[in-house]
PDB file of all heavy atoms in Angstrom:
ATOM      1  N   PHE A   1      81.131 137.539 102.219  1.00  0.00           N
ATOM      2  CA  PHE A   1      81.678 138.798 101.701  1.00  0.00           C
ATOM      3  C   PHE A   1      80.644 139.526 100.857  1.00  0.00           C
ATOM      4  O   PHE A   1      80.462 140.747 101.002  1.00  0.00           O
ATOM      5  CB  PHE A   1      82.941 138.531 100.875  1.00  0.00           C
ATOM      6  CG  PHE A   1      83.646 139.774 100.432  1.00  0.00           C
ATOM      7  CD1 PHE A   1      84.586 140.390 101.244  1.00  0.00           C
ATOM      8  CD2 PHE A   1      83.359 140.366  99.204  1.00  0.00           C
ATOM      9  CE1 PHE A   1      85.238 141.556 100.837  1.00  0.00           C
ATOM     10  CE2 PHE A   1      83.994 141.524  98.792  1.00  0.00           C
ATOM     11  CZ  PHE A   1      84.931 142.121  99.619  1.00  0.00           C
ATOM     12  N   CYS A   2      79.967 138.818  99.976  1.00  0.00           N
ATOM     13  CA  CYS A   2      78.952 139.456  99.122  1.00  0.00           C
ATOM     14  C   CYS A   2      77.787 139.987  99.949  1.00  0.00           C
ATOM     15  O   CYS A   2      77.229 141.047  99.637  1.00  0.00           O
ATOM     16  CB  CYS A   2      78.449 138.456  98.076  1.00  0.00           C
ATOM     17  SG  CYS A   2      79.669 138.052  96.811  1.00  0.00           S
ATOM     18  N   ALA A   3      77.429 139.263 101.005  1.00  0.00           N
ATOM     19  CA  ALA A   3      76.324 139.715 101.849  1.00  0.00           C
ATOM     20  C   ALA A   3      76.681 141.007 102.584  1.00  0.00           C
ATOM     21  O   ALA A   3      75.827 141.882 102.766  1.00  0.00           O
ATOM     22  CB  ALA A   3      75.955 138.623 102.849  1.00  0.00           C
ATOM     23  N   ARG A   4      77.942 141.134 102.994  1.00  0.00           N
ATOM     24  CA  ARG A   4      78.372 142.329 103.716  1.00  0.00           C
ATOM     25  C   ARG A   4      78.633 143.507 102.796  1.00  0.00           C
ATOM     26  O   ARG A   4      78.579 144.655 103.238  1.00  0.00           O
ATOM     27  CB  ARG A   4      79.640 142.014 104.521  1.00  0.00           C
ATOM     28  CG  ARG A   4      79.418 141.058 105.688  1.00  0.00           C
ATOM     29  CD  ARG A   4      80.735 140.587 106.256  1.00  0.00           C
ATOM     30  NE  ARG A   4      81.460 141.641 106.928  1.00  0.00           N
ATOM     31  CZ  ARG A   4      81.479 141.839 108.251  1.00  0.00           C
ATOM     32  NH1 ARG A   4      80.772 141.040 109.044  1.00  0.00           N
ATOM     33  NH2 ARG A   4      82.179 142.820 108.784  1.00  0.00           N
ATOM     34  N   HIS A   5      78.910 143.223 101.508  1.00  0.00           N
ATOM     35  CA  HIS A   5      79.270 144.297 100.576  1.00  0.00           C
ATOM     36  C   HIS A   5      78.486 144.151  99.269  1.00  0.00           C
ATOM     37  O   HIS A   5      79.062 143.847  98.212  1.00  0.00           O
ATOM     38  CB  HIS A   5      80.778 144.271 100.313  1.00  0.00           C
ATOM     39  CG  HIS A   5      81.612 144.310 101.559  1.00  0.00           C
ATOM     40  ND1 HIS A   5      81.768 145.453 102.312  1.00  0.00           N
ATOM     41  CD2 HIS A   5      82.299 143.334 102.200  1.00  0.00           C
ATOM     42  CE1 HIS A   5      82.540 145.191 103.355  1.00  0.00           C
ATOM     43  NE2 HIS A   5      82.865 143.915 103.307  1.00  0.00           N
ATOM     44  N   PRO A   6      77.198 144.376  99.319  1.00  0.00           N
ATOM     45  CA  PRO A   6      76.366 144.185  98.111  1.00  0.00           C
ATOM     46  C   PRO A   6      76.597 145.246  97.038  1.00  0.00           C
ATOM     47  O   PRO A   6      76.074 145.115  95.924  1.00  0.00           O
ATOM     48  CB  PRO A   6      74.945 144.268  98.670  1.00  0.00           C
ATOM     49  CG  PRO A   6      75.064 145.106  99.908  1.00  0.00           C
ATOM     50  CD  PRO A   6      76.394 144.760 100.490  1.00  0.00           C
ATOM     51  N   HIS A   7      77.355 146.312  97.342  1.00  0.00           N
ATOM     52  CA  HIS A   7      77.571 147.365  96.364  1.00  0.00           C
ATOM     53  C   HIS A   7      78.544 146.955  95.263  1.00  0.00           C
ATOM     54  O   HIS A   7      78.615 147.612  94.227  1.00  0.00           O
ATOM     55  CB  HIS A   7      78.095 148.631  97.051  1.00  0.00           C
ATOM     56  CG  HIS A   7      79.358 148.418  97.841  1.00  0.00           C
ATOM     57  ND1 HIS A   7      79.360 147.780  99.056  1.00  0.00           N
ATOM     58  CD2 HIS A   7      80.649 148.745  97.576  1.00  0.00           C
ATOM     59  CE1 HIS A   7      80.605 147.740  99.527  1.00  0.00           C
ATOM     60  NE2 HIS A   7      81.402 148.309  98.639  1.00  0.00           N
ATOM     61  N   TYR A   8      79.315 145.864  95.474  1.00  0.00           N
ATOM     62  CA  TYR A   8      80.219 145.398  94.431  1.00  0.00           C
ATOM     63  C   TYR A   8      79.444 144.610  93.371  1.00  0.00           C
ATOM     64  O   TYR A   8      78.632 143.747  93.704  1.00  0.00           O
ATOM     65  CB  TYR A   8      81.306 144.488  95.023  1.00  0.00           C
ATOM     66  CG  TYR A   8      82.331 145.197  95.871  1.00  0.00           C
ATOM     67  CD1 TYR A   8      82.562 144.797  97.185  1.00  0.00           C
ATOM     68  CD2 TYR A   8      83.090 146.245  95.361  1.00  0.00           C
ATOM     69  CE1 TYR A   8      83.513 145.421  97.975  1.00  0.00           C
ATOM     70  CE2 TYR A   8      84.046 146.879  96.142  1.00  0.00           C
ATOM     71  CZ  TYR A   8      84.248 146.474  97.444  1.00  0.00           C
ATOM     72  OH  TYR A   8      85.187 147.097  98.222  1.00  0.00           O
ATOM     73  N   ARG A   9      79.724 144.892  92.128  1.00  0.00           N
ATOM     74  CA  ARG A   9      79.092 144.142  91.046  1.00  0.00           C
ATOM     75  C   ARG A   9      79.726 142.756  90.948  1.00  0.00           C
ATOM     76  O   ARG A   9      80.947 142.627  90.883  1.00  0.00           O
ATOM     77  CB  ARG A   9      79.241 144.864  89.710  1.00  0.00           C
ATOM     78  CG  ARG A   9      78.505 144.156  88.571  1.00  0.00           C
ATOM     79  CD  ARG A   9      78.829 144.743  87.223  1.00  0.00           C
ATOM     80  NE  ARG A   9      78.175 143.995  86.160  1.00  0.00           N
ATOM     81  CZ  ARG A   9      78.617 143.918  84.928  1.00  0.00           C
ATOM     82  NH1 ARG A   9      79.711 144.570  84.573  1.00  0.00           N
ATOM     83  NH2 ARG A   9      77.953 143.214  84.023  1.00  0.00           N
ATOM     84  N   VAL A  10      78.919 141.717  90.943  1.00  0.00           N
ATOM     85  CA  VAL A  10      79.390 140.340  90.929  1.00  0.00           C
ATOM     86  C   VAL A  10      79.354 139.801  89.503  1.00  0.00           C
ATOM     87  O   VAL A  10      78.306 139.799  88.855  1.00  0.00           O
ATOM     88  CB  VAL A  10      78.537 139.442  91.849  1.00  0.00           C
ATOM     89  CG1 VAL A  10      79.030 138.000  91.799  1.00  0.00           C
ATOM     90  CG2 VAL A  10      78.557 139.962  93.282  1.00  0.00           C
ATOM     91  N   LEU A  11      80.519 139.341  89.007  1.00  0.00           N
ATOM     92  CA  LEU A  11      80.587 138.708  87.692  1.00  0.00           C
ATOM     93  C   LEU A  11      80.526 137.194  87.789  1.00  0.00           C
ATOM     94  O   LEU A  11      80.053 136.531  86.872  1.00  0.00           O
ATOM     95  CB  LEU A  11      81.872 139.122  86.965  1.00  0.00           C
ATOM     96  CG  LEU A  11      82.126 140.622  86.754  1.00  0.00           C
ATOM     97  CD1 LEU A  11      83.333 140.818  85.852  1.00  0.00           C
ATOM     98  CD2 LEU A  11      80.900 141.300  86.162  1.00  0.00           C
ATOM     99  N   SER A  12      81.026 136.643  88.872  1.00  0.00           N
ATOM    100  CA  SER A  12      81.024 135.199  89.095  1.00  0.00           C
ATOM    101  C   SER A  12      81.000 134.957  90.591  1.00  0.00           C
ATOM    102  O   SER A  12      81.612 135.703  91.356  1.00  0.00           O
ATOM    103  CB  SER A  12      82.260 134.555  88.464  1.00  0.00           C
ATOM    104  OG  SER A  12      82.363 133.198  88.813  1.00  0.00           O
ATOM    105  N   THR A  13      80.307 133.900  90.997  1.00  0.00           N
ATOM    106  CA  THR A  13      80.184 133.616  92.430  1.00  0.00           C
ATOM    107  C   THR A  13      81.115 132.522  92.911  1.00  0.00           C
ATOM    108  O   THR A  13      81.356 132.405  94.105  1.00  0.00           O
ATOM    109  CB  THR A  13      78.740 133.223  92.775  1.00  0.00           C
ATOM    110  OG1 THR A  13      78.348 132.095  91.974  1.00  0.00           O
ATOM    111  CG2 THR A  13      77.787 134.385  92.518  1.00  0.00           C
ATOM    112  N   ASN A  14      81.620 131.676  92.017  1.00  0.00           N
ATOM    113  CA  ASN A  14      82.504 130.588  92.431  1.00  0.00           C
ATOM    114  C   ASN A  14      83.432 130.204  91.285  1.00  0.00           C
ATOM    115  O   ASN A  14      83.023 129.478  90.390  1.00  0.00           O
ATOM    116  CB  ASN A  14      81.695 129.369  92.865  1.00  0.00           C
ATOM    117  CG  ASN A  14      82.589 128.282  93.452  1.00  0.00           C
ATOM    118  OD1 ASN A  14      83.671 128.568  93.954  1.00  0.00           O
ATOM    119  ND2 ASN A  14      82.150 127.035  93.368  1.00  0.00           N
ATOM    120  N   PRO A  15      84.667 130.717  91.303  1.00  0.00           N
ATOM    121  CA  PRO A  15      85.248 131.609  92.295  1.00  0.00           C
ATOM    122  C   PRO A  15      84.620 132.995  92.202  1.00  0.00           C
ATOM    123  O   PRO A  15      84.004 133.337  91.202  1.00  0.00           O
ATOM    124  CB  PRO A  15      86.728 131.649  91.929  1.00  0.00           C
ATOM    125  CG  PRO A  15      86.728 131.393  90.454  1.00  0.00           C
ATOM    126  CD  PRO A  15      85.621 130.420  90.209  1.00  0.00           C
ATOM    127  N   LEU A  16      84.795 133.772  93.242  1.00  0.00           N
ATOM    128  CA  LEU A  16      84.188 135.095  93.295  1.00  0.00           C
ATOM    129  C   LEU A  16      85.003 136.085  92.472  1.00  0.00           C
ATOM    130  O   LEU A  16      86.208 136.245  92.668  1.00  0.00           O
ATOM    131  CB  LEU A  16      84.114 135.565  94.748  1.00  0.00           C
ATOM    132  CG  LEU A  16      83.454 136.931  94.984  1.00  0.00           C
ATOM    133  CD1 LEU A  16      82.007 136.931  94.515  1.00  0.00           C
ATOM    134  CD2 LEU A  16      83.537 137.309  96.471  1.00  0.00           C
ATOM    135  N   VAL A  17      84.321 136.732  91.523  1.00  0.00           N
ATOM    136  CA  VAL A  17      84.937 137.770  90.706  1.00  0.00           C
ATOM    137  C   VAL A  17      84.044 139.000  90.769  1.00  0.00           C
ATOM    138  O   VAL A  17      82.849 138.926  90.445  1.00  0.00           O
ATOM    139  CB  VAL A  17      85.118 137.336  89.235  1.00  0.00           C
ATOM    140  CG1 VAL A  17      85.764 138.464  88.436  1.00  0.00           C
ATOM    141  CG2 VAL A  17      85.961 136.068  89.145  1.00  0.00           C
ATOM    142  N   LEU A  18      84.609 140.121  91.206  1.00  0.00           N
ATOM    143  CA  LEU A  18      83.855 141.357  91.344  1.00  0.00           C
ATOM    144  C   LEU A  18      84.389 142.410  90.379  1.00  0.00           C
ATOM    145  O   LEU A  18      85.542 142.344  89.939  1.00  0.00           O
ATOM    146  CB  LEU A  18      83.955 141.894  92.778  1.00  0.00           C
ATOM    147  CG  LEU A  18      83.540 140.955  93.910  1.00  0.00           C
ATOM    148  CD1 LEU A  18      83.717 141.651  95.255  1.00  0.00           C
ATOM    149  CD2 LEU A  18      82.105 140.486  93.744  1.00  0.00           C
ATOM    150  N   GLU A  19      83.538 143.389  90.086  1.00  0.00           N
ATOM    151  CA  GLU A  19      83.932 144.536  89.276  1.00  0.00           C
ATOM    152  C   GLU A  19      83.623 145.794  90.083  1.00  0.00           C
ATOM    153  O   GLU A  19      82.550 146.382  89.961  1.00  0.00           O
ATOM    154  CB  GLU A  19      83.196 144.553  87.941  1.00  0.00           C
ATOM    155  CG  GLU A  19      83.713 145.616  86.984  1.00  0.00           C
ATOM    156  CD  GLU A  19      83.012 145.580  85.635  1.00  0.00           C
ATOM    157  OE1 GLU A  19      81.826 145.190  85.583  1.00  0.00           O
ATOM    158  OE2 GLU A  19      83.652 145.953  84.628  1.00  0.00           O
ATOM    159  N   PRO A  20      84.556 146.227  90.939  1.00  0.00           N
ATOM    160  CA  PRO A  20      84.304 147.405  91.779  1.00  0.00           C
ATOM    161  C   PRO A  20      84.172 148.690  90.977  1.00  0.00           C
ATOM    162  O   PRO A  20      83.477 149.610  91.395  1.00  0.00           O
ATOM    163  CB  PRO A  20      85.498 147.447  92.721  1.00  0.00           C
ATOM    164  CG  PRO A  20      86.566 146.689  92.018  1.00  0.00           C
ATOM    165  CD  PRO A  20      85.875 145.642  91.200  1.00  0.00           C
ATOM    166  N   GLU A  21      84.875 148.768  89.847  1.00  0.00           N
ATOM    167  CA  GLU A  21      84.790 149.906  88.942  1.00  0.00           C
ATOM    168  C   GLU A  21      84.807 149.384  87.516  1.00  0.00           C
ATOM    169  O   GLU A  21      85.246 148.254  87.252  1.00  0.00           O
ATOM    170  CB  GLU A  21      85.968 150.860  89.148  1.00  0.00           C
ATOM    171  CG  GLU A  21      86.027 151.528  90.498  1.00  0.00           C
ATOM    172  CD  GLU A  21      87.251 152.417  90.652  1.00  0.00           C
ATOM    173  OE1 GLU A  21      88.144 152.353  89.771  1.00  0.00           O
ATOM    174  OE2 GLU A  21      87.319 153.175  91.639  1.00  0.00           O
ATOM    175  N   ALA A  22      84.329 150.179  86.577  1.00  0.00           N
ATOM    176  CA  ALA A  22      84.350 149.773  85.184  1.00  0.00           C
ATOM    177  C   ALA A  22      85.792 149.534  84.734  1.00  0.00           C
ATOM    178  O   ALA A  22      86.671 150.384  84.933  1.00  0.00           O
ATOM    179  CB  ALA A  22      83.702 150.845  84.308  1.00  0.00           C
ATOM    180  N   GLY A  23      86.055 148.355  84.158  1.00  0.00           N
ATOM    181  CA  GLY A  23      87.392 148.029  83.695  1.00  0.00           C
ATOM    182  C   GLY A  23      88.342 147.582  84.786  1.00  0.00           C
ATOM    183  O   GLY A  23      89.528 147.418  84.543  1.00  0.00           O
ATOM    184  N   THR A  24      87.832 147.338  85.997  1.00  0.00           N
ATOM    185  CA  THR A  24      88.625 146.855  87.126  1.00  0.00           C
ATOM    186  C   THR A  24      87.955 145.605  87.688  1.00  0.00           C
ATOM    187  O   THR A  24      86.742 145.607  87.907  1.00  0.00           O
ATOM    188  CB  THR A  24      88.723 147.924  88.228  1.00  0.00           C
ATOM    189  OG1 THR A  24      89.439 149.053  87.726  1.00  0.00           O
ATOM    190  CG2 THR A  24      89.438 147.381  89.461  1.00  0.00           C
ATOM    191  N   TRP A  25      88.749 144.560  87.921  1.00  0.00           N
ATOM    192  CA  TRP A  25      88.187 143.310  88.428  1.00  0.00           C
ATOM    193  C   TRP A  25      89.012 142.807  89.603  1.00  0.00           C
ATOM    194  O   TRP A  25      90.206 143.074  89.702  1.00  0.00           O
ATOM    195  CB  TRP A  25      88.161 142.244  87.322  1.00  0.00           C
ATOM    196  CG  TRP A  25      87.441 142.706  86.094  1.00  0.00           C
ATOM    197  CD1 TRP A  25      86.093 142.739  85.877  1.00  0.00           C
ATOM    198  CD2 TRP A  25      88.033 143.265  84.922  1.00  0.00           C
ATOM    199  NE1 TRP A  25      85.818 143.261  84.638  1.00  0.00           N
ATOM    200  CE2 TRP A  25      86.980 143.598  84.026  1.00  0.00           C
ATOM    201  CE3 TRP A  25      89.345 143.523  84.519  1.00  0.00           C
ATOM    202  CZ2 TRP A  25      87.202 144.159  82.785  1.00  0.00           C
ATOM    203  CZ3 TRP A  25      89.578 144.092  83.279  1.00  0.00           C
ATOM    204  CH2 TRP A  25      88.509 144.394  82.425  1.00  0.00           C
ATOM    205  N   VAL A  26      88.327 142.081  90.475  1.00  0.00           N
ATOM    206  CA  VAL A  26      88.991 141.490  91.636  1.00  0.00           C
ATOM    207  C   VAL A  26      88.591 140.024  91.721  1.00  0.00           C
ATOM    208  O   VAL A  26      87.404 139.698  91.739  1.00  0.00           O
ATOM    209  CB  VAL A  26      88.608 142.203  92.951  1.00  0.00           C
ATOM    210  CG1 VAL A  26      89.418 141.633  94.116  1.00  0.00           C
ATOM    211  CG2 VAL A  26      88.838 143.702  92.837  1.00  0.00           C
ATOM    212  N   TYR A  27      89.602 139.159  91.753  1.00  0.00           N
ATOM    213  CA  TYR A  27      89.398 137.710  91.831  1.00  0.00           C
ATOM    214  C   TYR A  27      89.734 137.256  93.252  1.00  0.00           C
ATOM    215  O   TYR A  27      90.788 137.592  93.786  1.00  0.00           O
ATOM    216  CB  TYR A  27      90.302 137.012  90.818  1.00  0.00           C
ATOM    217  CG  TYR A  27      90.342 135.502  90.918  1.00  0.00           C
ATOM    218  CD1 TYR A  27      89.565 134.706  90.094  1.00  0.00           C
ATOM    219  CD2 TYR A  27      91.203 134.865  91.821  1.00  0.00           C
ATOM    220  CE1 TYR A  27      89.615 133.318  90.166  1.00  0.00           C
ATOM    221  CE2 TYR A  27      91.257 133.482  91.911  1.00  0.00           C
ATOM    222  CZ  TYR A  27      90.466 132.716  91.074  1.00  0.00           C
ATOM    223  OH  TYR A  27      90.528 131.345  91.159  1.00  0.00           O
ATOM    224  N   PHE A  28      88.837 136.470  93.858  1.00  0.00           N
ATOM    225  CA  PHE A  28      89.042 135.964  95.217  1.00  0.00           C
ATOM    226  C   PHE A  28      89.205 134.439  95.164  1.00  0.00           C
ATOM    227  O   PHE A  28      88.401 133.756  94.529  1.00  0.00           O
ATOM    228  CB  PHE A  28      87.850 136.287  96.122  1.00  0.00           C
ATOM    229  CG  PHE A  28      87.598 137.751  96.329  1.00  0.00           C
ATOM    230  CD1 PHE A  28      86.939 138.504  95.362  1.00  0.00           C
ATOM    231  CD2 PHE A  28      88.002 138.383  97.487  1.00  0.00           C
ATOM    232  CE1 PHE A  28      86.698 139.851  95.549  1.00  0.00           C
ATOM    233  CE2 PHE A  28      87.762 139.731  97.685  1.00  0.00           C
ATOM    234  CZ  PHE A  28      87.112 140.469  96.717  1.00  0.00           C
ATOM    235  N   SER A  29      90.207 133.928  95.861  1.00  0.00           N
ATOM    236  CA  SER A  29      90.351 132.485  96.033  1.00  0.00           C
ATOM    237  C   SER A  29      89.939 132.134  97.457  1.00  0.00           C
ATOM    238  O   SER A  29      90.096 132.950  98.378  1.00  0.00           O
ATOM    239  CB  SER A  29      91.793 132.044  95.789  1.00  0.00           C
ATOM    240  OG  SER A  29      92.630 132.542  96.811  1.00  0.00           O
ATOM    241  N   ARG A  30      89.445 130.933  97.645  1.00  0.00           N
ATOM    242  CA  ARG A  30      89.032 130.521  98.991  1.00  0.00           C
ATOM    243  C   ARG A  30      90.207 130.428  99.949  1.00  0.00           C
ATOM    244  O   ARG A  30      90.046 130.585 101.158  1.00  0.00           O
ATOM    245  CB  ARG A  30      88.301 129.176  98.926  1.00  0.00           C
ATOM    246  CG  ARG A  30      86.959 129.236  98.225  1.00  0.00           C
ATOM    247  CD  ARG A  30      86.134 127.994  98.483  1.00  0.00           C
ATOM    248  NE  ARG A  30      84.881 128.043  97.754  1.00  0.00           N
ATOM    249  CZ  ARG A  30      83.787 128.685  98.166  1.00  0.00           C
ATOM    250  NH1 ARG A  30      83.826 129.344  99.315  1.00  0.00           N
ATOM    251  NH2 ARG A  30      82.689 128.683  97.448  1.00  0.00           N
ATOM    252  N   PHE A  31      91.416 130.153  99.427  1.00  0.00           N
ATOM    253  CA  PHE A  31      92.565 129.966 100.304  1.00  0.00           C
ATOM    254  C   PHE A  31      93.231 131.277 100.704  1.00  0.00           C
ATOM    255  O   PHE A  31      94.316 131.270 101.293  1.00  0.00           O
ATOM    256  CB  PHE A  31      93.587 129.017  99.666  1.00  0.00           C
ATOM    257  CG  PHE A  31      93.933 129.315  98.236  1.00  0.00           C
ATOM    258  CD1 PHE A  31      94.868 130.289  97.914  1.00  0.00           C
ATOM    259  CD2 PHE A  31      93.323 128.621  97.209  1.00  0.00           C
ATOM    260  CE1 PHE A  31      95.184 130.556  96.599  1.00  0.00           C
ATOM    261  CE2 PHE A  31      93.643 128.876  95.883  1.00  0.00           C
ATOM    262  CZ  PHE A  31      94.578 129.843  95.575  1.00  0.00           C
ATOM    263  N   GLY A  32      92.621 132.426 100.393  1.00  0.00           N
ATOM    264  CA  GLY A  32      93.093 133.691 100.942  1.00  0.00           C
ATOM    265  C   GLY A  32      93.825 134.611 100.001  1.00  0.00           C
ATOM    266  O   GLY A  32      94.210 135.709 100.396  1.00  0.00           O
ATOM    267  N   ALA A  33      94.043 134.194  98.749  1.00  0.00           N
ATOM    268  CA  ALA A  33      94.725 135.061  97.788  1.00  0.00           C
ATOM    269  C   ALA A  33      93.706 135.888  97.010  1.00  0.00           C
ATOM    270  O   ALA A  33      92.614 135.414  96.691  1.00  0.00           O
ATOM    271  CB  ALA A  33      95.572 134.233  96.828  1.00  0.00           C
ATOM    272  N   VAL A  34      94.073 137.134  96.722  1.00  0.00           N
ATOM    273  CA  VAL A  34      93.208 138.056  95.981  1.00  0.00           C
ATOM    274  C   VAL A  34      94.028 138.650  94.839  1.00  0.00           C
ATOM    275  O   VAL A  34      95.174 139.063  95.039  1.00  0.00           O
ATOM    276  CB  VAL A  34      92.694 139.196  96.895  1.00  0.00           C
ATOM    277  CG1 VAL A  34      91.663 140.035  96.159  1.00  0.00           C
ATOM    278  CG2 VAL A  34      92.111 138.628  98.172  1.00  0.00           C
TER     279      VAL A  34
END
């Protein structure tokens, strides 16, 4: 996912936590929940 979408700011790689916008975060689990 990170390789396909490098424009997302990465806060953590395992588990994956992104910051698409300031003050907005997205948490990804390996089992499919976001």
